[in-house]
Structures are given as structure tokens and as C-alpha cells.
Amino acid sequence: MDVHAPWAITEGLRRRGVDLLTAQEDGTGLLDDPELLDRAASLDRVLFTRDEDFLVEGSHRQSTDKTFVGIVYAHQLRVTIGQCVHDLEVMAKVYEPADMANRIEHLPLK
């Protein structure tokens, strides 16, 4: 979970048994976006964010064939906390990290 993810999403997912790690808990909350994405990859974890800058970084990596573990993005104003919790729980139960490799997924899921 990026630093831009509301705590309510983190708590909602944990109540549903989803294993996650926040940047704050990992001590990486002050890293630049590329470094945080690299850290997520080193942990084999997909990165959830509400920060549009990660869309730019992910697109750059896709266009330059630089691999990354995957990004899940939800707009801050267009996707509710409840929808994020629901969709992220579904993704956590259905996808393996390898399924998200080099992908940018937008919430809400359709």
C-alpha cells in the first residue's frame, strides 16, 4: 500500500484476511515512486496507490520494457473506499503476483 492509500482501505482489507504491507510499516514511506515500485517488486507484492504519478512511472516502464510487479490504481474522488476494499479483496483472492506483472489495473473492476 502506497502512502496515499487511506487507512480505512488497509483496515478493511485486513479484516477480510488480505495480507498487505503499507509503505509506512515497511519504513519506505519517503521513497520516490520508482524506488517504492522497486521495493514492492523485491517483496513480490503488487502496489496499490491513489497517486496518479505511479501511472506515469508504470507506463514508462511498460514502454521501455522495464519489468515491474504491477500497479493497482484507484482515483481518489471517483472510487469509494468500500469499492476499493471489495475490488482489492477479489484481486488478492484471484490473482497471483505473476498475473499482475507489468500491468496497471484501474479500479473499479468491471
Protein backbone atom coordinates (compact mmCIF):
# COMPACT_ATOMS: atom_id res chain seq x y z
CA MET A 1 0.00 0.00 0.00
CA ASP A 2 1.35 3.37 -1.06
CA VAL A 3 1.33 6.24 1.44
CA HIS A 4 -1.65 7.70 -0.45
CA ALA A 5 -3.90 4.75 0.43
CA PRO A 6 -6.39 5.66 3.19
CA TRP A 7 -6.03 3.69 6.39
CA ALA A 8 -9.69 2.64 6.08
CA ILE A 9 -8.80 0.60 2.97
CA THR A 10 -5.91 -1.06 4.77
CA GLU A 11 -8.06 -1.93 7.77
CA GLY A 12 -10.96 -3.12 5.63
CA LEU A 13 -8.70 -5.49 3.74
CA ARG A 14 -7.05 -6.79 6.90
CA ARG A 15 -10.47 -7.55 8.42
CA ARG A 16 -11.07 -9.69 5.34
CA GLY A 17 -7.81 -11.57 5.80
CA VAL A 18 -5.85 -9.92 2.98
CA ASP A 19 -2.10 -9.95 3.57
CA LEU A 20 -0.70 -6.50 2.89
CA LEU A 21 2.11 -4.18 3.86
CA THR A 22 1.96 -0.40 3.93
CA ALA A 23 4.88 1.77 2.89
CA GLN A 24 4.77 3.30 6.36
CA GLU A 25 5.07 -0.10 8.07
CA ASP A 26 7.93 -1.03 5.74
CA GLY A 27 9.77 2.20 6.51
CA THR A 28 9.65 3.21 2.85
CA GLY A 29 7.06 5.97 3.02
CA LEU A 30 9.56 8.61 1.94
CA LEU A 31 10.93 6.78 -1.09
CA ASP A 32 10.44 8.23 -4.56
CA ASP A 33 7.88 6.43 -6.72
CA PRO A 34 10.41 4.42 -8.79
CA GLU A 35 12.19 3.26 -5.63
CA LEU A 36 8.92 2.31 -3.95
CA LEU A 37 7.87 0.32 -7.00
CA ASP A 38 11.26 -1.43 -6.98
CA ARG A 39 10.82 -2.19 -3.28
CA ALA A 40 7.40 -3.71 -3.94
CA ALA A 41 8.99 -5.88 -6.63
CA SER A 42 11.72 -7.05 -4.26
CA LEU A 43 8.97 -8.20 -1.89
CA ASP A 44 6.94 -9.74 -4.75
CA ARG A 45 3.99 -7.51 -3.92
CA VAL A 46 1.68 -5.57 -6.19
CA LEU A 47 1.50 -1.87 -5.34
CA PHE A 48 -1.87 -0.22 -4.65
CA THR A 49 -1.99 3.55 -4.96
CA ARG A 50 -4.27 6.52 -5.42
CA ASP A 51 -1.36 8.63 -6.70
CA GLU A 52 -1.51 9.36 -10.44
CA ASP A 53 2.29 9.68 -10.59
CA PHE A 54 2.50 5.89 -10.42
CA LEU A 55 0.53 5.70 -13.67
CA VAL A 56 3.28 7.70 -15.34
CA GLU A 57 6.01 5.51 -13.84
CA GLY A 58 4.19 2.31 -14.76
CA SER A 59 3.57 3.48 -18.33
CA HIS A 60 7.22 4.47 -18.65
CA ARG A 61 8.29 1.01 -17.50
CA GLN A 62 5.89 -0.65 -19.94
CA SER A 63 7.20 1.42 -22.86
CA THR A 64 10.84 0.72 -22.01
CA ASP A 65 10.33 -2.97 -21.21
CA LYS A 66 11.49 -2.46 -17.63
CA THR A 67 9.66 -5.07 -15.61
CA PHE A 68 7.65 -4.25 -12.52
CA VAL A 69 5.43 -6.22 -10.21
CA GLY A 70 2.18 -4.44 -11.08
CA ILE A 71 0.19 -1.41 -10.03
CA VAL A 72 -3.42 -1.16 -8.95
CA TYR A 73 -4.73 2.40 -9.15
CA ALA A 74 -7.94 3.97 -7.86
CA HIS A 75 -8.79 7.63 -8.43
CA GLN A 76 -9.18 9.49 -5.14
CA LEU A 77 -12.55 11.03 -5.99
CA ARG A 78 -14.13 8.51 -8.34
CA VAL A 79 -13.69 5.25 -6.42
CA THR A 80 -15.06 4.84 -2.92
CA ILE A 81 -13.19 3.24 -0.06
CA GLY A 82 -15.76 0.44 0.01
CA GLN A 83 -15.30 -0.24 -3.70
CA CYS A 84 -11.51 -0.30 -3.25
CA VAL A 85 -11.79 -2.79 -0.40
CA HIS A 86 -14.15 -5.02 -2.37
CA ASP A 87 -12.13 -4.99 -5.59
CA LEU A 88 -8.75 -5.38 -3.90
CA GLU A 89 -10.06 -8.33 -1.89
CA VAL A 90 -11.27 -10.00 -5.10
CA MET A 91 -7.91 -9.38 -6.76
CA ALA A 92 -5.99 -10.72 -3.76
CA LYS A 93 -8.02 -13.92 -3.82
CA VAL A 94 -7.96 -14.44 -7.59
CA TYR A 95 -4.59 -13.17 -8.80
CA GLU A 96 -1.07 -14.32 -8.08
CA PRO A 97 1.63 -11.62 -8.19
CA ALA A 98 2.84 -13.05 -11.51
CA ASP A 99 -0.62 -12.39 -13.00
CA MET A 100 -0.10 -8.68 -12.41
CA ALA A 101 3.47 -8.46 -13.74
CA ASN A 102 3.96 -5.36 -15.89
CA ARG A 103 0.27 -4.44 -15.64
CA ILE A 104 -1.57 -1.36 -14.49
CA GLU A 105 -5.06 -2.19 -13.29
CA HIS A 106 -7.63 0.53 -12.64
CA LEU A 107 -10.40 0.30 -10.06
CA PRO A 108 -13.28 -0.16 -10.04
CA LEU A 109 -13.08 -3.57 -11.68
CA LYS A 110 -15.60 -4.09 -14.45
